[in-house]
Amino acid sequence: MLDDVIAMAAGRTAPELLLTNARVLNVFSGELEIAHVAVGHGVIMGIGRECAHAQWSRHSQPGAAY
């Protein structure tokens, strides 16, 4: 399982769940931001448009839904 978590966090494998355009609270600034959230094995693997977009485009297939 740890190998899967590391691979997902590094972007080598697709996340189990990709929340797109989610509202994320930035606890440092107190602002709500729009970002993508990659989740796998119940753990947040990454937050942000660039990281999630790269994971989505690298692992998505035409017609596939995450």
N, C-alpha and C. Protein backbone atom coordinates (compact mmCIF):
# COMPACT_ATOMS: atom_id res chain seq x y z
N MET A 1 0.82 -1.19 0.00
CA MET A 1 0.00 0.00 0.00
C MET A 1 0.87 1.26 0.00
N LEU A 2 1.93 1.27 0.77
CA LEU A 2 2.79 2.45 0.82
C LEU A 2 3.38 2.76 -0.55
N ASP A 3 3.75 1.71 -1.29
CA ASP A 3 4.29 1.93 -2.64
C ASP A 3 3.25 2.59 -3.54
N ASP A 4 1.97 2.19 -3.40
CA ASP A 4 0.89 2.81 -4.19
C ASP A 4 0.72 4.27 -3.82
N VAL A 5 0.76 4.59 -2.54
CA VAL A 5 0.61 5.97 -2.08
C VAL A 5 1.73 6.84 -2.63
N ILE A 6 2.94 6.34 -2.56
CA ILE A 6 4.10 7.09 -3.06
C ILE A 6 3.99 7.30 -4.57
N ALA A 7 3.59 6.27 -5.30
CA ALA A 7 3.45 6.38 -6.75
C ALA A 7 2.37 7.39 -7.13
N MET A 8 1.25 7.40 -6.40
CA MET A 8 0.18 8.37 -6.68
C MET A 8 0.63 9.78 -6.35
N ALA A 9 1.29 9.94 -5.22
CA ALA A 9 1.74 11.28 -4.81
C ALA A 9 2.79 11.83 -5.78
N ALA A 10 3.60 10.95 -6.35
CA ALA A 10 4.63 11.37 -7.30
C ALA A 10 4.07 11.57 -8.70
N GLY A 11 2.81 11.16 -8.93
CA GLY A 11 2.20 11.33 -10.24
C GLY A 11 2.49 10.20 -11.22
N ARG A 12 3.09 9.11 -10.74
CA ARG A 12 3.39 7.98 -11.62
C ARG A 12 2.16 7.13 -11.92
N THR A 13 1.18 7.13 -11.01
CA THR A 13 -0.08 6.42 -11.23
C THR A 13 -1.23 7.39 -10.97
N ALA A 14 -2.37 7.05 -11.52
CA ALA A 14 -3.54 7.93 -11.39
C ALA A 14 -4.10 7.90 -9.97
N PRO A 15 -4.62 9.02 -9.50
CA PRO A 15 -5.28 9.01 -8.20
C PRO A 15 -6.58 8.22 -8.29
N GLU A 16 -7.04 7.69 -7.15
CA GLU A 16 -8.30 6.96 -7.15
C GLU A 16 -9.48 7.91 -7.36
N LEU A 17 -9.31 9.14 -6.90
CA LEU A 17 -10.37 10.13 -7.01
C LEU A 17 -9.73 11.48 -7.32
N LEU A 18 -10.31 12.19 -8.27
CA LEU A 18 -9.83 13.53 -8.60
C LEU A 18 -11.01 14.49 -8.51
N LEU A 19 -10.99 15.34 -7.51
CA LEU A 19 -12.03 16.35 -7.33
C LEU A 19 -11.59 17.58 -8.11
N THR A 20 -12.36 17.95 -9.12
CA THR A 20 -11.98 19.08 -9.95
C THR A 20 -12.75 20.32 -9.53
N ASN A 21 -12.07 21.44 -9.59
CA ASN A 21 -12.66 22.75 -9.25
C ASN A 21 -13.31 22.76 -7.87
N ALA A 22 -12.64 22.17 -6.92
CA ALA A 22 -13.14 22.11 -5.54
C ALA A 22 -12.82 23.42 -4.81
N ARG A 23 -13.63 23.76 -3.86
CA ARG A 23 -13.34 24.92 -3.01
C ARG A 23 -12.48 24.44 -1.85
N VAL A 24 -11.29 25.00 -1.76
CA VAL A 24 -10.32 24.58 -0.75
C VAL A 24 -10.00 25.79 0.13
N LEU A 25 -10.05 25.59 1.42
CA LEU A 25 -9.73 26.66 2.36
C LEU A 25 -8.23 26.75 2.55
N ASN A 26 -7.66 27.89 2.24
CA ASN A 26 -6.26 28.16 2.50
C ASN A 26 -6.18 28.63 3.95
N VAL A 27 -5.67 27.78 4.83
CA VAL A 27 -5.67 28.11 6.25
C VAL A 27 -4.68 29.22 6.61
N PHE A 28 -3.75 29.51 5.72
CA PHE A 28 -2.79 30.58 5.99
C PHE A 28 -3.38 31.94 5.69
N SER A 29 -4.12 32.04 4.56
CA SER A 29 -4.69 33.34 4.18
C SER A 29 -6.15 33.47 4.59
N GLY A 30 -6.80 32.34 4.90
CA GLY A 30 -8.21 32.37 5.25
C GLY A 30 -9.13 32.50 4.04
N GLU A 31 -8.59 32.37 2.84
CA GLU A 31 -9.37 32.52 1.61
C GLU A 31 -9.79 31.16 1.06
N LEU A 32 -10.94 31.14 0.40
CA LEU A 32 -11.36 29.97 -0.34
C LEU A 32 -10.77 30.06 -1.74
N GLU A 33 -10.16 28.97 -2.16
CA GLU A 33 -9.53 28.93 -3.48
C GLU A 33 -10.14 27.79 -4.28
N ILE A 34 -10.12 27.91 -5.59
CA ILE A 34 -10.58 26.85 -6.47
C ILE A 34 -9.35 26.03 -6.87
N ALA A 35 -9.39 24.73 -6.64
CA ALA A 35 -8.25 23.87 -6.95
C ALA A 35 -8.74 22.45 -7.20
N HIS A 36 -7.89 21.64 -7.78
CA HIS A 36 -8.16 20.22 -7.95
C HIS A 36 -7.53 19.49 -6.77
N VAL A 37 -8.18 18.41 -6.32
CA VAL A 37 -7.67 17.63 -5.19
C VAL A 37 -7.58 16.17 -5.63
N ALA A 38 -6.38 15.61 -5.56
CA ALA A 38 -6.16 14.21 -5.90
C ALA A 38 -6.15 13.39 -4.62
N VAL A 39 -6.93 12.30 -4.61
CA VAL A 39 -7.08 11.47 -3.41
C VAL A 39 -6.80 10.02 -3.77
N GLY A 40 -6.12 9.31 -2.88
CA GLY A 40 -5.87 7.88 -3.04
C GLY A 40 -5.68 7.22 -1.71
N HIS A 41 -6.28 6.06 -1.51
CA HIS A 41 -6.19 5.31 -0.25
C HIS A 41 -6.63 6.16 0.94
N GLY A 42 -7.59 7.05 0.71
CA GLY A 42 -8.10 7.88 1.80
C GLY A 42 -7.18 9.02 2.20
N VAL A 43 -6.16 9.28 1.40
CA VAL A 43 -5.17 10.31 1.71
C VAL A 43 -5.16 11.34 0.58
N ILE A 44 -5.08 12.62 0.92
CA ILE A 44 -4.94 13.65 -0.10
C ILE A 44 -3.52 13.56 -0.66
N MET A 45 -3.44 13.33 -1.97
CA MET A 45 -2.14 13.16 -2.63
C MET A 45 -1.59 14.47 -3.17
N GLY A 46 -2.48 15.39 -3.52
CA GLY A 46 -2.01 16.65 -4.07
C GLY A 46 -3.15 17.63 -4.21
N ILE A 47 -2.82 18.90 -4.15
CA ILE A 47 -3.79 19.97 -4.32
C ILE A 47 -3.20 20.98 -5.28
N GLY A 48 -3.99 21.40 -6.24
CA GLY A 48 -3.52 22.42 -7.17
C GLY A 48 -3.91 22.10 -8.60
N ARG A 49 -4.00 23.13 -9.40
CA ARG A 49 -4.42 22.94 -10.79
C ARG A 49 -3.36 22.23 -11.62
N GLU A 50 -2.11 22.60 -11.49
CA GLU A 50 -1.07 22.04 -12.34
C GLU A 50 -0.84 20.56 -12.05
N CYS A 51 -0.68 20.21 -10.80
CA CYS A 51 -0.39 18.83 -10.42
C CYS A 51 -1.54 17.91 -10.81
N ALA A 52 -2.75 18.30 -10.48
CA ALA A 52 -3.90 17.45 -10.77
C ALA A 52 -4.14 17.36 -12.27
N HIS A 53 -3.92 18.46 -13.00
CA HIS A 53 -4.12 18.42 -14.45
C HIS A 53 -3.13 17.45 -15.10
N ALA A 54 -1.91 17.45 -14.62
CA ALA A 54 -0.90 16.55 -15.17
C ALA A 54 -1.30 15.10 -14.90
N GLN A 55 -1.78 14.81 -13.68
CA GLN A 55 -2.20 13.45 -13.36
C GLN A 55 -3.40 13.06 -14.19
N TRP A 56 -4.35 13.98 -14.37
CA TRP A 56 -5.55 13.69 -15.14
C TRP A 56 -5.20 13.39 -16.59
N SER A 57 -4.43 14.27 -17.22
CA SER A 57 -4.16 14.11 -18.64
C SER A 57 -3.25 12.92 -18.91
N ARG A 58 -2.38 12.60 -18.00
CA ARG A 58 -1.46 11.48 -18.20
C ARG A 58 -2.17 10.14 -18.10
N HIS A 59 -3.19 10.05 -17.24
CA HIS A 59 -3.80 8.75 -16.95
C HIS A 59 -5.23 8.61 -17.45
N SER A 60 -5.81 9.66 -17.96
CA SER A 60 -7.21 9.57 -18.39
C SER A 60 -7.30 8.89 -19.76
N GLN A 61 -8.43 8.30 -20.00
CA GLN A 61 -8.70 7.69 -21.27
C GLN A 61 -9.95 8.34 -21.84
N PRO A 62 -10.10 8.40 -23.15
CA PRO A 62 -11.31 8.99 -23.72
C PRO A 62 -12.55 8.29 -23.19
N GLY A 63 -13.47 9.08 -22.69
CA GLY A 63 -14.72 8.52 -22.17
C GLY A 63 -14.63 8.08 -20.72
N ALA A 64 -13.45 8.11 -20.13
CA ALA A 64 -13.31 7.69 -18.73
C ALA A 64 -13.75 8.81 -17.80
N ALA A 65 -14.35 8.44 -16.70
CA ALA A 65 -14.78 9.43 -15.71
C ALA A 65 -14.09 9.12 -14.39
N TYR A 66 -13.59 10.15 -13.75
CA TYR A 66 -12.95 9.97 -12.45
C TYR A 66 -13.88 10.46 -11.39
